[in-house]
Amino acid sequence: MGTPMKSLIGRLVTLRPIDVERDAPEWYEAMQEPEMHLWTGNNIPIDVDEVKDVVLETYANHPEIFSWCIRESKTDKMVGIYWIGVPFISNEQRLVTFDAQRIAKPYWRKGYTREARSLVYDYAFTDLGVEEIRASAWERNTNSCLSMESAGFELVRLYPRFNPKYDSDLTEVEYVLRRAKWQQLNGRLS
């Protein structure tokens, strides 16, 4: 169930289902950057096999997520991974309860995440019929919080949660993006 139903094509990036064997060497190289792991539950992988067996295999085959390899359109180089929860029904609304991505550091702040997010959200709201997407970030992860807010996410709540990487309680920020807000911000309402 974790394989998305189609590839998503933009100007800067193309998102396609993860190919564990093909993508592992490039993603291993990208994951050597320590800053990519500051706010994640993972660490720098020790070898390509760890990327294949633990990281990519999990994303590609997890039954509760749709995941894509993010490739730069111009070079076909792997620049990231994007995943969302498989939609489900709650209180008669179709929801996605998590959304996350990892982009290689050389591609930060250059529009790659913004375009990948736009492609995924269009897919979720249009093709999958989702009413809202929920996501969270650590409050101190300023870049993620600002990125979500610029995409139209609205604050739902702040709450303490234990972070094993920092061995302490930190504040997590929960956000929601509703389809109507996304459509309004992207000129899709009549």
Protein backbone atom coordinates (compact mmCIF):
# COMPACT_ATOMS: atom_id res chain seq x y z
CA MET A 1 0.00 0.00 0.00
CA GLY A 2 2.96 2.36 0.50
CA THR A 3 3.60 2.78 -3.22
CA PRO A 4 1.93 5.89 -4.63
CA MET A 5 -0.37 5.39 -7.56
CA LYS A 6 1.52 7.66 -9.93
CA SER A 7 4.55 9.83 -10.56
CA LEU A 8 4.21 13.59 -10.14
CA ILE A 9 6.00 15.88 -12.59
CA GLY A 10 6.97 19.49 -11.99
CA ARG A 11 9.41 21.99 -13.45
CA LEU A 12 12.24 21.46 -10.92
CA VAL A 13 11.42 17.98 -9.65
CA THR A 14 9.82 14.71 -10.60
CA LEU A 15 8.46 12.50 -7.86
CA ARG A 16 8.31 8.81 -8.66
CA PRO A 17 7.94 5.64 -6.59
CA ILE A 18 11.14 4.69 -4.77
CA ASP A 19 13.39 2.17 -6.54
CA VAL A 20 15.39 0.78 -3.61
CA GLU A 21 18.35 -0.56 -5.62
CA ARG A 22 18.68 2.44 -7.95
CA ASP A 23 18.13 5.14 -5.35
CA ALA A 24 20.23 3.77 -2.47
CA PRO A 25 23.71 4.93 -3.59
CA GLU A 26 22.56 8.52 -4.26
CA TRP A 27 20.54 8.71 -1.06
CA TYR A 28 23.43 7.30 0.98
CA GLU A 29 25.62 10.10 -0.36
CA ALA A 30 23.01 12.76 0.48
CA MET A 31 22.49 11.39 3.99
CA GLN A 32 26.13 11.95 4.92
CA GLU A 33 25.29 15.60 5.67
CA PRO A 34 24.93 15.94 9.49
CA GLU A 35 22.48 18.86 9.26
CA MET A 36 19.92 16.58 7.56
CA HIS A 37 19.59 14.65 10.82
CA LEU A 38 19.25 17.42 13.42
CA TRP A 39 15.51 17.01 13.88
CA THR A 40 14.88 13.50 12.55
CA GLY A 41 14.82 10.19 14.36
CA ASN A 42 17.66 8.85 12.26
CA ASN A 43 21.44 9.22 12.10
CA ILE A 44 24.05 9.21 9.35
CA PRO A 45 23.86 5.71 7.81
CA ILE A 46 26.98 3.55 7.97
CA ASP A 47 26.76 2.16 4.43
CA VAL A 48 24.60 1.80 1.30
CA ASP A 49 23.13 -1.46 2.61
CA GLU A 50 21.70 0.36 5.64
CA VAL A 51 20.09 2.90 3.29
CA LYS A 52 18.63 0.07 1.20
CA ASP A 53 17.47 -2.22 4.00
CA VAL A 54 16.42 0.26 6.66
CA VAL A 55 15.62 3.60 5.05
CA LEU A 56 14.40 3.07 1.48
CA GLU A 57 12.88 -0.37 1.99
CA THR A 58 10.84 1.04 4.88
CA TYR A 59 9.59 4.02 2.87
CA ALA A 60 8.91 1.99 -0.27
CA ASN A 61 6.92 -0.76 1.46
CA HIS A 62 5.38 0.78 4.56
CA PRO A 63 1.64 0.00 4.52
CA GLU A 64 0.64 3.34 6.07
CA ILE A 65 2.45 5.79 3.80
CA PHE A 66 2.74 6.85 0.18
CA SER A 67 6.37 7.69 -0.56
CA TRP A 68 8.22 9.14 -3.52
CA CYS A 69 11.80 9.60 -4.57
CA ILE A 70 12.34 13.27 -5.44
CA ARG A 71 14.53 13.63 -8.53
CA GLU A 72 15.82 16.83 -10.05
CA SER A 73 14.05 17.13 -13.41
CA LYS A 74 17.07 18.54 -15.25
CA THR A 75 19.68 15.96 -14.14
CA ASP A 76 17.53 13.04 -12.87
CA LYS A 77 19.65 13.11 -9.67
CA MET A 78 17.94 11.99 -6.47
CA VAL A 79 17.55 15.03 -4.21
CA GLY A 80 15.08 13.78 -1.62
CA ILE A 81 12.24 11.68 -0.34
CA TYR A 82 8.65 12.72 0.29
CA TRP A 83 5.95 10.78 2.12
CA ILE A 84 2.43 11.25 3.35
CA GLY A 85 0.14 9.03 5.37
CA VAL A 86 -2.31 6.88 3.46
CA PRO A 87 -5.63 8.75 3.70
CA PHE A 88 -8.31 7.45 6.05
CA ILE A 89 -11.77 8.51 7.19
CA SER A 90 -12.26 10.22 10.57
CA ASN A 91 -15.45 12.05 11.56
CA GLU A 92 -16.67 11.64 7.99
CA GLN A 93 -13.65 13.49 6.57
CA ARG A 94 -10.81 12.03 4.52
CA LEU A 95 -7.53 12.90 6.29
CA VAL A 96 -3.80 12.50 5.98
CA THR A 97 -2.23 12.60 9.42
CA PHE A 98 1.38 13.05 8.53
CA ASP A 99 3.49 14.66 5.88
CA ALA A 100 7.28 14.77 5.75
CA GLN A 101 10.19 15.12 3.42
CA ARG A 102 13.97 15.03 3.41
CA ILE A 103 15.84 17.11 0.87
CA ALA A 104 19.60 16.92 0.34
CA LYS A 105 21.28 20.03 1.74
CA PRO A 106 22.57 21.43 -1.61
CA TYR A 107 18.89 21.77 -2.64
CA TRP A 108 17.67 23.63 0.46
CA ARG A 109 16.01 27.02 -0.06
CA LYS A 110 15.98 26.71 -3.86
CA GLY A 111 12.32 25.85 -4.45
CA TYR A 112 12.68 22.06 -4.57
CA THR A 113 10.75 21.40 -1.36
CA ARG A 114 8.09 23.96 -2.27
CA GLU A 115 7.49 22.36 -5.67
CA ALA A 116 7.54 18.79 -4.31
CA ARG A 117 5.06 19.80 -1.61
CA SER A 118 2.81 21.47 -4.17
CA LEU A 119 2.78 18.33 -6.34
CA VAL A 120 2.00 16.07 -3.38
CA TYR A 121 -0.72 18.33 -1.99
CA ASP A 122 -2.39 18.70 -5.39
CA TYR A 123 -2.35 14.89 -5.63
CA ALA A 124 -3.76 14.47 -2.10
CA PHE A 125 -6.48 17.10 -2.39
CA THR A 126 -7.47 16.43 -6.00
CA ASP A 127 -6.80 12.76 -6.79
CA LEU A 128 -7.20 11.27 -3.32
CA GLY A 129 -10.05 13.53 -2.18
CA VAL A 130 -8.38 14.48 1.10
CA GLU A 131 -10.04 17.23 3.17
CA GLU A 132 -7.04 18.03 5.36
CA ILE A 133 -3.38 17.21 5.89
CA ARG A 134 -1.89 17.23 9.37
CA ALA A 135 1.79 17.60 10.06
CA SER A 136 4.06 18.43 12.96
CA ALA A 137 7.56 19.67 13.65
CA TRP A 138 9.69 20.41 16.65
CA GLU A 139 9.22 24.05 17.62
CA ARG A 140 12.98 24.65 17.51
CA ASN A 141 13.07 23.35 13.92
CA THR A 142 12.35 26.85 12.66
CA ASN A 143 12.89 26.07 8.98
CA SER A 144 10.25 23.31 8.97
CA CYS A 145 7.74 25.41 10.89
CA LEU A 146 8.19 28.41 8.59
CA SER A 147 8.01 26.19 5.51
CA MET A 148 4.70 24.68 6.61
CA GLU A 149 3.27 28.06 7.55
CA SER A 150 4.20 29.49 4.14
CA ALA A 151 2.35 26.56 2.51
CA GLY A 152 -0.83 27.54 4.35
CA PHE A 153 -0.70 25.27 7.39
CA GLU A 154 -2.40 26.66 10.47
CA LEU A 155 -1.34 26.03 14.06
CA VAL A 156 -3.50 23.48 15.88
CA ARG A 157 -1.60 23.05 19.13
CA LEU A 158 1.73 23.03 20.93
CA TYR A 159 2.54 20.17 23.28
CA PRO A 160 5.55 18.70 25.10
CA ARG A 161 6.89 15.41 23.77
CA PHE A 162 10.00 13.44 24.59
CA ASN A 163 12.71 13.65 21.93
CA PRO A 164 15.12 10.72 22.27
CA LYS A 165 17.80 12.38 20.16
CA TYR A 166 17.99 15.30 22.63
CA ASP A 167 17.03 13.14 25.65
CA SER A 168 14.51 15.69 26.87
CA ASP A 169 10.99 16.97 26.43
CA LEU A 170 10.73 19.46 23.60
CA THR A 171 7.75 21.34 22.23
CA GLU A 172 6.12 19.84 19.18
CA VAL A 173 3.98 22.02 16.92
CA GLU A 174 0.96 20.43 15.24
CA TYR A 175 -0.42 22.00 12.06
CA VAL A 176 -3.33 21.42 9.71
CA LEU A 177 -3.80 22.36 6.06
CA ARG A 178 -7.36 22.23 4.79
CA ARG A 179 -8.25 21.71 1.16
CA ALA A 180 -10.21 25.00 0.93
CA LYS A 181 -7.21 26.96 2.24
CA TRP A 182 -4.84 25.20 -0.20
CA GLN A 183 -7.17 25.88 -3.12
CA GLN A 184 -7.56 29.53 -2.09
CA LEU A 185 -3.81 30.07 -1.80
CA ASN A 186 -3.21 28.39 -5.17
CA GLY A 187 -5.98 30.08 -7.15
CA ARG A 188 -8.11 26.97 -7.51
CA LEU A 189 -11.40 28.34 -6.13
CA SER A 190 -13.93 29.96 -8.40
